[in-house]
Amino acid sequence: MPEWLPTLFVLAAFTPAVVLITLTPGPDMTLFLAKTLGQGRAAGLAAMLGAGTGLVIHALLAAFGLSALLAASESAFLAVKIAGAVYLLWLAVEAIRRGSALATEGRALPAQPLGEVYLTGLGINLLNPKIVLFFVTFLPQFVSPADPHAAAKLLFLGLYFIAVAMPICIGLILCADGVARHMRRSPRVLRAFDYAFAGLMAAFAARLLVAR
């Protein structure tokens, strides 16, 4: 095995943790499930890919030490927190203002283009300082700071995290797509879902602001 790869023992300990973290609800999971229920499987996958791209960027930043610098800078970390919270609140307002991309109250609403859905997913992870903290505090537990290949191993673990998480997320999207078929029959249920999504985004924004 190449020296820059983590050992099988490390991967055996890392993989179950990744699965548990992936199944823990967060803003990104809430978004791609909401897009699946509102617009269908393609929108859910677009949001998931956007969120995954955000994770790739965070993995690269962590490997090159930039995430640690951001976490150590109080003013920079505060700026990211505020930007992330404002972004989540904007998503909450949009959910109430525009509603689902399905019919509500007997009128059809335009679906959000998949490119925009992708960018929304990208932004929701890129502007989340809790992900910065995750990559700064969680990944280094599996890599010795004295290891000359520490940066390469951090990058590998970050990308491995995404590779393990993606099939789980795709499974959740496929399940949500099945639920959406039943929700389409009731505009009231869809509207209630819009409000629930907005409430969750607002709650995540509040949690983000108190993150340390």
Protein backbone atom coordinates (compact mmCIF):
# COMPACT_ATOMS: atom_id res chain seq x y z
CA MET A 1 0.00 0.00 0.00
CA PRO A 2 1.39 3.47 -0.89
CA GLU A 3 2.66 5.44 2.12
CA TRP A 4 0.29 8.34 1.43
CA LEU A 5 -2.76 6.10 1.90
CA PRO A 6 -4.27 5.56 5.39
CA THR A 7 -3.96 2.04 6.77
CA LEU A 8 -6.82 -0.44 6.63
CA PHE A 9 -7.15 -0.11 10.41
CA VAL A 10 -7.69 3.64 10.06
CA LEU A 11 -10.26 3.15 7.30
CA ALA A 12 -12.07 0.50 9.37
CA ALA A 13 -12.47 3.04 12.18
CA PHE A 14 -13.21 5.97 9.86
CA THR A 15 -15.92 4.36 7.71
CA PRO A 16 -18.59 3.73 10.41
CA ALA A 17 -18.10 7.31 11.64
CA VAL A 18 -18.68 8.59 8.10
CA VAL A 19 -21.91 6.59 7.79
CA LEU A 20 -23.25 7.94 11.09
CA ILE A 21 -22.34 11.53 10.21
CA THR A 22 -23.93 11.19 6.76
CA LEU A 23 -27.21 9.97 8.28
CA THR A 24 -27.29 12.92 10.71
CA PRO A 25 -29.66 15.55 9.26
CA GLY A 26 -28.10 18.87 8.30
CA PRO A 27 -28.82 21.78 5.95
CA ASP A 28 -27.43 19.93 2.91
CA MET A 29 -29.51 16.79 3.49
CA THR A 30 -32.59 18.91 4.17
CA LEU A 31 -32.03 20.76 0.91
CA PHE A 32 -31.58 17.82 -1.44
CA LEU A 33 -34.49 15.91 0.11
CA ALA A 34 -36.67 19.03 -0.17
CA LYS A 35 -35.70 19.47 -3.82
CA THR A 36 -36.49 15.81 -4.46
CA LEU A 37 -39.93 16.14 -2.89
CA GLY A 38 -40.61 19.45 -4.62
CA GLN A 39 -39.16 18.96 -8.10
CA GLY A 40 -38.25 15.30 -8.42
CA ARG A 41 -35.22 13.06 -8.49
CA ALA A 42 -33.15 15.16 -10.92
CA ALA A 43 -33.36 18.26 -8.71
CA GLY A 44 -32.45 16.23 -5.64
CA LEU A 45 -29.40 14.80 -7.37
CA ALA A 46 -28.38 18.27 -8.60
CA ALA A 47 -28.55 19.65 -5.05
CA MET A 48 -26.59 16.67 -3.75
CA LEU A 49 -23.88 17.13 -6.39
CA GLY A 50 -23.61 20.80 -5.50
CA ALA A 51 -23.27 19.97 -1.82
CA GLY A 52 -20.71 17.30 -2.70
CA THR A 53 -18.68 19.83 -4.69
CA GLY A 54 -18.66 22.06 -1.62
CA LEU A 55 -17.25 19.17 0.41
CA VAL A 56 -14.51 18.57 -2.19
CA ILE A 57 -13.47 22.21 -1.88
CA HIS A 58 -13.42 21.95 1.92
CA ALA A 59 -11.34 18.76 1.68
CA LEU A 60 -8.79 20.56 -0.50
CA LEU A 61 -8.69 23.54 1.86
CA ALA A 62 -8.17 21.24 4.86
CA ALA A 63 -5.38 19.31 3.12
CA PHE A 64 -3.51 22.53 2.37
CA GLY A 65 -4.06 23.94 5.85
CA LEU A 66 -6.32 26.83 4.81
CA SER A 67 -9.30 25.58 6.84
CA ALA A 68 -7.18 25.61 10.01
CA LEU A 69 -6.21 29.22 9.30
CA LEU A 70 -9.87 30.16 8.81
CA ALA A 71 -10.93 28.43 12.02
CA ALA A 72 -8.12 30.18 13.92
CA SER A 73 -9.13 33.62 12.65
CA GLU A 74 -12.03 34.90 14.73
CA SER A 75 -13.00 37.65 12.28
CA ALA A 76 -12.85 35.35 9.22
CA PHE A 77 -14.81 32.63 10.99
CA LEU A 78 -17.43 35.18 12.09
CA ALA A 79 -17.76 36.45 8.52
CA VAL A 80 -18.37 32.93 7.20
CA LYS A 81 -20.88 32.27 10.00
CA ILE A 82 -22.87 35.40 9.17
CA ALA A 83 -22.77 34.71 5.42
CA GLY A 84 -23.90 31.12 5.99
CA ALA A 85 -26.74 32.12 8.31
CA VAL A 86 -27.97 34.81 5.91
CA TYR A 87 -27.89 32.27 3.06
CA LEU A 88 -29.96 29.75 5.05
CA LEU A 89 -32.47 32.45 6.02
CA TRP A 90 -32.75 33.45 2.36
CA LEU A 91 -33.57 29.83 1.48
CA ALA A 92 -36.24 29.85 4.22
CA VAL A 93 -37.84 33.01 2.84
CA GLU A 94 -37.74 31.65 -0.71
CA ALA A 95 -39.49 28.45 0.42
CA ILE A 96 -42.38 30.52 1.81
CA ARG A 97 -42.46 33.06 -1.00
CA ARG A 98 -42.19 30.69 -3.97
CA GLY A 99 -43.47 27.45 -2.49
CA SER A 100 -42.74 24.06 -4.01
CA ALA A 101 -42.11 23.64 -7.69
CA LEU A 102 -45.30 21.59 -7.79
CA ALA A 103 -48.89 22.80 -8.02
CA THR A 104 -50.19 24.57 -4.93
CA GLU A 105 -53.65 26.01 -4.62
CA GLY A 106 -54.41 24.89 -8.15
CA ARG A 107 -51.63 26.84 -9.94
CA ALA A 108 -48.39 25.56 -11.41
CA LEU A 109 -45.16 27.18 -10.23
CA PRO A 110 -42.03 27.19 -12.40
CA ALA A 111 -39.38 24.67 -11.42
CA GLN A 112 -35.98 26.01 -10.42
CA PRO A 113 -33.41 25.26 -13.16
CA LEU A 114 -31.10 22.39 -12.28
CA GLY A 115 -28.05 24.64 -12.61
CA GLU A 116 -29.46 26.93 -9.94
CA VAL A 117 -30.29 23.94 -7.75
CA TYR A 118 -26.67 22.77 -8.08
CA LEU A 119 -25.36 26.21 -7.08
CA THR A 120 -27.74 26.28 -4.12
CA GLY A 121 -26.31 22.98 -2.91
CA LEU A 122 -22.78 24.27 -3.45
CA GLY A 123 -23.47 27.40 -1.45
CA ILE A 124 -25.12 25.61 1.45
CA ASN A 125 -21.94 23.63 2.19
CA LEU A 126 -19.38 26.18 1.05
CA LEU A 127 -20.76 28.80 3.48
CA ASN A 128 -21.13 26.43 6.43
CA PRO A 129 -18.37 27.06 9.04
CA LYS A 130 -19.41 23.90 10.88
CA ILE A 131 -18.06 21.94 7.92
CA VAL A 132 -14.80 23.88 8.25
CA LEU A 133 -14.65 22.80 11.89
CA PHE A 134 -15.50 19.24 10.91
CA PHE A 135 -12.58 19.00 8.51
CA VAL A 136 -10.24 20.73 10.98
CA THR A 137 -11.19 18.70 14.06
CA PHE A 138 -12.51 15.33 12.82
CA LEU A 139 -10.20 14.31 9.99
CA PRO A 140 -6.92 15.04 11.86
CA GLN A 141 -7.92 12.47 14.50
CA PHE A 142 -7.09 9.80 11.91
CA VAL A 143 -3.76 11.28 10.78
CA SER A 144 -0.62 11.81 12.86
CA PRO A 145 0.64 15.42 12.65
CA ALA A 146 4.19 14.03 12.48
CA ASP A 147 3.35 11.98 9.38
CA PRO A 148 5.27 13.40 6.37
CA HIS A 149 2.29 12.40 4.19
CA ALA A 150 -0.28 14.05 6.48
CA ALA A 151 -1.61 16.44 3.82
CA ALA A 152 -2.11 13.64 1.28
CA LYS A 153 -3.84 11.45 3.86
CA LEU A 154 -6.13 14.31 4.92
CA LEU A 155 -7.10 14.86 1.31
CA PHE A 156 -7.68 11.13 0.76
CA LEU A 157 -9.89 10.90 3.87
CA GLY A 158 -11.86 13.96 2.79
CA LEU A 159 -12.52 12.50 -0.64
CA TYR A 160 -13.17 9.04 0.86
CA PHE A 161 -15.78 10.65 3.14
CA ILE A 162 -17.57 11.99 0.05
CA ALA A 163 -17.30 8.64 -1.78
CA VAL A 164 -18.93 6.82 1.15
CA ALA A 165 -21.60 9.50 1.71
CA MET A 166 -22.78 9.82 -1.90
CA PRO A 167 -24.37 6.33 -2.29
CA ILE A 168 -26.20 6.85 1.01
CA CYS A 169 -27.50 10.22 -0.15
CA ILE A 170 -28.58 8.78 -3.52
CA GLY A 171 -30.53 6.08 -1.65
CA LEU A 172 -32.29 8.73 0.43
CA ILE A 173 -33.16 10.69 -2.72
CA LEU A 174 -34.65 7.62 -4.41
CA CYS A 175 -36.78 6.95 -1.32
CA ALA A 176 -37.89 10.59 -1.17
CA ASP A 177 -38.84 10.49 -4.85
CA GLY A 178 -41.28 7.68 -4.04
CA VAL A 179 -42.81 9.73 -1.22
CA ALA A 180 -43.15 12.73 -3.55
CA ARG A 181 -45.57 10.84 -5.81
CA HIS A 182 -48.07 10.72 -2.94
CA MET A 183 -47.45 14.32 -1.86
CA ARG A 184 -48.25 15.65 -5.33
CA ARG A 185 -51.88 14.70 -4.76
CA SER A 186 -52.28 17.20 -1.90
CA PRO A 187 -51.34 20.89 -2.35
CA ARG A 188 -51.96 21.43 1.37
CA VAL A 189 -49.36 18.84 2.28
CA LEU A 190 -46.92 20.46 -0.12
CA ARG A 191 -47.52 23.87 1.41
CA ALA A 192 -47.04 22.45 4.91
CA PHE A 193 -43.77 20.96 3.69
CA ASP A 194 -42.67 24.42 2.45
CA TYR A 195 -43.20 25.84 5.92
CA ALA A 196 -41.44 22.90 7.56
CA PHE A 197 -38.44 23.37 5.24
CA ALA A 198 -38.35 27.10 6.01
CA GLY A 199 -38.49 26.38 9.74
CA LEU A 200 -35.60 23.92 9.51
CA MET A 201 -33.47 26.36 7.50
CA ALA A 202 -34.13 29.09 10.06
CA ALA A 203 -33.21 26.71 12.89
CA PHE A 204 -29.98 25.73 11.13
CA ALA A 205 -29.19 29.44 10.66
CA ALA A 206 -29.65 30.06 14.39
CA ARG A 207 -27.40 27.12 15.25
CA LEU A 208 -24.80 28.40 12.83
CA LEU A 209 -24.66 31.80 14.52
CA VAL A 210 -23.86 30.24 17.91
CA ALA A 211 -21.24 27.84 16.50
CA ARG A 212 -17.76 28.19 18.02
